[in-house]
N, C-alpha and C. Protein backbone atom coordinates (compact mmCIF):
# COMPACT_ATOMS: atom_id res chain seq x y z
N MET A 1 18.20 8.88 -11.60
CA MET A 1 17.82 7.52 -11.31
C MET A 1 17.78 7.27 -9.80
N LEU A 2 18.76 7.84 -9.07
CA LEU A 2 18.77 7.67 -7.62
C LEU A 2 17.49 8.24 -7.03
N LEU A 3 17.08 9.41 -7.50
CA LEU A 3 15.85 10.00 -6.99
C LEU A 3 14.65 9.12 -7.28
N GLN A 4 14.63 8.49 -8.46
CA GLN A 4 13.53 7.60 -8.78
C GLN A 4 13.53 6.38 -7.87
N ALA A 5 14.69 5.92 -7.45
CA ALA A 5 14.77 4.78 -6.54
C ALA A 5 14.26 5.15 -5.14
N LEU A 6 14.51 6.38 -4.72
CA LEU A 6 14.11 6.83 -3.38
C LEU A 6 12.70 7.40 -3.35
N PHE A 7 12.25 7.97 -4.47
CA PHE A 7 10.98 8.66 -4.50
C PHE A 7 10.04 7.97 -5.48
N GLY A 8 8.77 8.09 -5.21
CA GLY A 8 7.75 7.69 -6.18
C GLY A 8 7.12 8.95 -6.72
N ARG A 9 6.65 8.93 -7.93
CA ARG A 9 6.06 10.13 -8.53
C ARG A 9 4.54 10.04 -8.42
N ARG A 10 3.95 11.07 -7.86
CA ARG A 10 2.50 11.16 -7.74
C ARG A 10 2.10 12.51 -8.30
N GLY A 11 1.48 12.51 -9.45
CA GLY A 11 1.16 13.78 -10.10
C GLY A 11 2.45 14.47 -10.50
N ASP A 12 2.57 15.72 -10.15
CA ASP A 12 3.81 16.44 -10.47
C ASP A 12 4.68 16.65 -9.23
N ARG A 13 4.34 16.00 -8.10
CA ARG A 13 5.12 16.12 -6.87
C ARG A 13 5.84 14.82 -6.58
N LEU A 14 7.06 14.92 -6.10
CA LEU A 14 7.79 13.72 -5.68
C LEU A 14 7.41 13.39 -4.24
N GLN A 15 7.17 12.12 -3.96
CA GLN A 15 6.83 11.66 -2.63
C GLN A 15 7.87 10.63 -2.20
N LEU A 16 8.30 10.66 -0.95
CA LEU A 16 9.21 9.64 -0.44
C LEU A 16 8.50 8.29 -0.40
N SER A 17 9.19 7.24 -0.80
CA SER A 17 8.63 5.90 -0.66
C SER A 17 8.60 5.55 0.82
N GLY A 18 7.85 4.50 1.20
CA GLY A 18 7.74 4.09 2.59
C GLY A 18 9.09 3.77 3.21
N GLU A 19 9.92 3.03 2.49
CA GLU A 19 11.24 2.67 3.02
C GLU A 19 12.11 3.91 3.20
N ALA A 20 12.06 4.82 2.24
CA ALA A 20 12.87 6.04 2.34
C ALA A 20 12.40 6.90 3.51
N ARG A 21 11.08 6.96 3.74
CA ARG A 21 10.57 7.73 4.89
C ARG A 21 11.10 7.16 6.19
N GLY A 22 11.13 5.82 6.30
CA GLY A 22 11.66 5.19 7.51
C GLY A 22 13.13 5.52 7.71
N ARG A 23 13.90 5.50 6.63
CA ARG A 23 15.32 5.83 6.74
C ARG A 23 15.53 7.28 7.12
N VAL A 24 14.73 8.17 6.57
CA VAL A 24 14.84 9.59 6.91
C VAL A 24 14.49 9.80 8.38
N ALA A 25 13.44 9.13 8.87
CA ALA A 25 13.04 9.27 10.27
C ALA A 25 14.13 8.73 11.20
N ALA A 26 14.72 7.57 10.86
CA ALA A 26 15.80 7.01 11.68
C ALA A 26 17.00 7.94 11.67
N THR A 27 17.30 8.54 10.52
CA THR A 27 18.42 9.48 10.43
C THR A 27 18.14 10.72 11.27
N ALA A 28 16.89 11.17 11.28
CA ALA A 28 16.53 12.34 12.09
C ALA A 28 16.70 12.03 13.58
N ALA A 29 16.32 10.82 14.00
CA ALA A 29 16.50 10.43 15.40
C ALA A 29 17.99 10.41 15.73
N PHE A 30 18.78 9.89 14.82
CA PHE A 30 20.22 9.86 15.00
C PHE A 30 20.77 11.28 15.15
N ALA A 31 20.30 12.19 14.32
CA ALA A 31 20.78 13.57 14.37
C ALA A 31 20.42 14.24 15.70
N ARG A 32 19.22 13.97 16.21
CA ARG A 32 18.81 14.58 17.46
C ARG A 32 19.53 13.99 18.66
N HIS A 33 19.71 12.68 18.66
CA HIS A 33 20.27 12.02 19.83
C HIS A 33 21.79 11.88 19.76
N GLY A 34 22.35 11.96 18.57
CA GLY A 34 23.78 11.93 18.41
C GLY A 34 24.37 10.53 18.46
N LEU A 35 25.54 10.43 17.91
CA LEU A 35 26.23 9.15 17.81
C LEU A 35 26.50 8.56 19.19
N ARG A 36 26.94 9.37 20.11
CA ARG A 36 27.28 8.86 21.45
C ARG A 36 26.06 8.25 22.14
N ALA A 37 24.93 8.96 22.12
CA ALA A 37 23.72 8.46 22.79
C ALA A 37 23.23 7.17 22.16
N LEU A 38 23.25 7.11 20.83
CA LEU A 38 22.81 5.88 20.16
C LEU A 38 23.79 4.74 20.43
N GLY A 39 25.08 5.05 20.45
CA GLY A 39 26.08 4.04 20.77
C GLY A 39 25.90 3.51 22.18
N GLU A 40 25.62 4.40 23.12
CA GLU A 40 25.39 3.98 24.51
C GLU A 40 24.15 3.10 24.62
N ALA A 41 23.09 3.46 23.90
CA ALA A 41 21.87 2.65 23.91
C ALA A 41 22.13 1.28 23.29
N ALA A 42 22.91 1.26 22.22
CA ALA A 42 23.23 -0.01 21.56
C ALA A 42 24.01 -0.92 22.51
N VAL A 43 24.99 -0.36 23.19
CA VAL A 43 25.80 -1.16 24.13
C VAL A 43 24.96 -1.57 25.34
N LYS A 44 24.22 -0.63 25.91
CA LYS A 44 23.41 -0.90 27.10
C LYS A 44 22.43 -2.05 26.87
N HIS A 45 21.83 -2.07 25.68
CA HIS A 45 20.79 -3.06 25.40
C HIS A 45 21.24 -4.15 24.43
N GLY A 46 22.49 -4.10 23.96
CA GLY A 46 22.97 -5.10 23.02
C GLY A 46 22.30 -5.01 21.66
N LEU A 47 22.08 -3.77 21.19
CA LEU A 47 21.38 -3.54 19.93
C LEU A 47 22.34 -3.17 18.81
N THR A 48 21.90 -3.37 17.58
CA THR A 48 22.63 -2.83 16.43
C THR A 48 22.40 -1.33 16.39
N GLY A 49 23.17 -0.63 15.61
CA GLY A 49 22.98 0.80 15.46
C GLY A 49 21.60 1.14 14.91
N TYR A 50 21.13 0.36 13.93
CA TYR A 50 19.80 0.59 13.37
C TYR A 50 18.73 0.41 14.43
N ASP A 51 18.82 -0.68 15.20
CA ASP A 51 17.82 -0.93 16.23
C ASP A 51 17.84 0.16 17.30
N ALA A 52 19.03 0.63 17.67
CA ALA A 52 19.13 1.73 18.63
C ALA A 52 18.47 2.99 18.07
N ALA A 53 18.61 3.22 16.77
CA ALA A 53 17.97 4.38 16.14
C ALA A 53 16.46 4.25 16.16
N TYR A 54 15.93 3.05 15.90
CA TYR A 54 14.48 2.85 15.96
C TYR A 54 13.96 3.06 17.37
N LEU A 55 14.70 2.58 18.37
CA LEU A 55 14.31 2.78 19.76
C LEU A 55 14.33 4.27 20.09
N ALA A 56 15.37 4.96 19.68
CA ALA A 56 15.46 6.41 19.93
C ALA A 56 14.33 7.15 19.24
N LEU A 57 13.96 6.72 18.05
CA LEU A 57 12.86 7.36 17.32
C LEU A 57 11.55 7.18 18.07
N ALA A 58 11.29 5.98 18.58
CA ALA A 58 10.07 5.73 19.35
C ALA A 58 10.06 6.58 20.62
N LEU A 59 11.20 6.66 21.31
CA LEU A 59 11.30 7.49 22.51
C LEU A 59 11.09 8.95 22.17
N ASP A 60 11.72 9.41 21.11
CA ASP A 60 11.67 10.82 20.70
C ASP A 60 10.24 11.25 20.35
N ARG A 61 9.52 10.38 19.65
CA ARG A 61 8.18 10.73 19.18
C ARG A 61 7.07 10.28 20.12
N GLY A 62 7.43 9.53 21.17
CA GLY A 62 6.42 9.05 22.10
C GLY A 62 5.47 8.04 21.47
N LEU A 63 6.00 7.23 20.56
CA LEU A 63 5.19 6.26 19.83
C LEU A 63 5.54 4.84 20.24
N PRO A 64 4.60 3.91 20.06
CA PRO A 64 4.93 2.50 20.30
C PRO A 64 5.86 1.98 19.21
N LEU A 65 6.49 0.86 19.49
CA LEU A 65 7.44 0.25 18.56
C LEU A 65 6.89 -1.08 18.10
N ALA A 66 6.77 -1.27 16.80
CA ALA A 66 6.35 -2.55 16.23
C ALA A 66 7.60 -3.30 15.81
N THR A 67 7.81 -4.47 16.40
CA THR A 67 9.01 -5.25 16.09
C THR A 67 8.77 -6.73 16.31
N LEU A 68 9.52 -7.53 15.59
CA LEU A 68 9.58 -8.98 15.81
C LEU A 68 10.94 -9.38 16.36
N ASP A 69 11.78 -8.37 16.63
CA ASP A 69 13.14 -8.58 17.11
C ASP A 69 13.13 -8.66 18.64
N LYS A 70 13.51 -9.80 19.20
CA LYS A 70 13.45 -9.99 20.65
C LYS A 70 14.36 -9.04 21.43
N PRO A 71 15.63 -8.85 21.02
CA PRO A 71 16.46 -7.89 21.77
C PRO A 71 15.92 -6.46 21.72
N LEU A 72 15.38 -6.05 20.57
CA LEU A 72 14.82 -4.71 20.46
C LEU A 72 13.57 -4.59 21.33
N ALA A 73 12.74 -5.61 21.36
CA ALA A 73 11.54 -5.59 22.21
C ALA A 73 11.94 -5.51 23.69
N ALA A 74 12.96 -6.26 24.08
CA ALA A 74 13.42 -6.22 25.48
C ALA A 74 13.94 -4.83 25.83
N ALA A 75 14.67 -4.21 24.92
CA ALA A 75 15.18 -2.85 25.15
C ALA A 75 14.03 -1.86 25.25
N ALA A 76 13.03 -2.02 24.41
CA ALA A 76 11.86 -1.13 24.45
C ALA A 76 11.14 -1.27 25.79
N ARG A 77 10.98 -2.51 26.26
CA ARG A 77 10.34 -2.71 27.57
C ARG A 77 11.16 -2.04 28.67
N ALA A 78 12.49 -2.18 28.60
CA ALA A 78 13.36 -1.57 29.62
C ALA A 78 13.26 -0.05 29.61
N GLU A 79 13.00 0.53 28.45
CA GLU A 79 12.87 1.99 28.33
C GLU A 79 11.41 2.44 28.43
N GLU A 80 10.52 1.49 28.74
CA GLU A 80 9.09 1.76 28.89
C GLU A 80 8.43 2.28 27.62
N VAL A 81 8.88 1.75 26.48
CA VAL A 81 8.26 2.05 25.19
C VAL A 81 7.25 0.94 24.91
N PRO A 82 5.99 1.28 24.65
CA PRO A 82 5.00 0.25 24.33
C PRO A 82 5.39 -0.51 23.06
N ILE A 83 5.10 -1.81 23.05
CA ILE A 83 5.45 -2.68 21.91
C ILE A 83 4.16 -3.15 21.26
N LEU A 84 4.16 -3.14 19.93
CA LEU A 84 3.05 -3.66 19.15
C LEU A 84 3.47 -4.98 18.52
N GLY A 85 2.54 -5.90 18.38
CA GLY A 85 2.83 -7.17 17.72
C GLY A 85 2.91 -8.32 18.69
N PRO A 86 3.35 -9.48 18.18
CA PRO A 86 3.34 -10.70 19.00
C PRO A 86 4.27 -10.66 20.21
N LEU A 87 5.25 -9.76 20.24
CA LEU A 87 6.16 -9.68 21.38
C LEU A 87 5.67 -8.73 22.47
N ALA A 88 4.48 -8.14 22.23
CA ALA A 88 3.91 -7.25 23.25
C ALA A 88 3.53 -8.06 24.48
N PRO A 89 3.70 -7.46 25.66
CA PRO A 89 3.36 -8.19 26.90
C PRO A 89 1.87 -8.47 27.01
């Protein structure tokens, strides 16, 4: 049942749902950058652990960050990560 909650079935292959893919990607960023680095980013920018992980993921992959969260957008600007959405400059 847990697998069915995390995965959707397409044909005979299991596929990660969109939400599960996001969690896996954030966890991968956490694994690469480590607890200390994410904690430092959270404190430096006043972010939650999740938001620090999303910022680290954008930095790690060289991708823009789509957010409606003002503190996360400010942190992204400070780290020179492009922002998508209404908070973009």
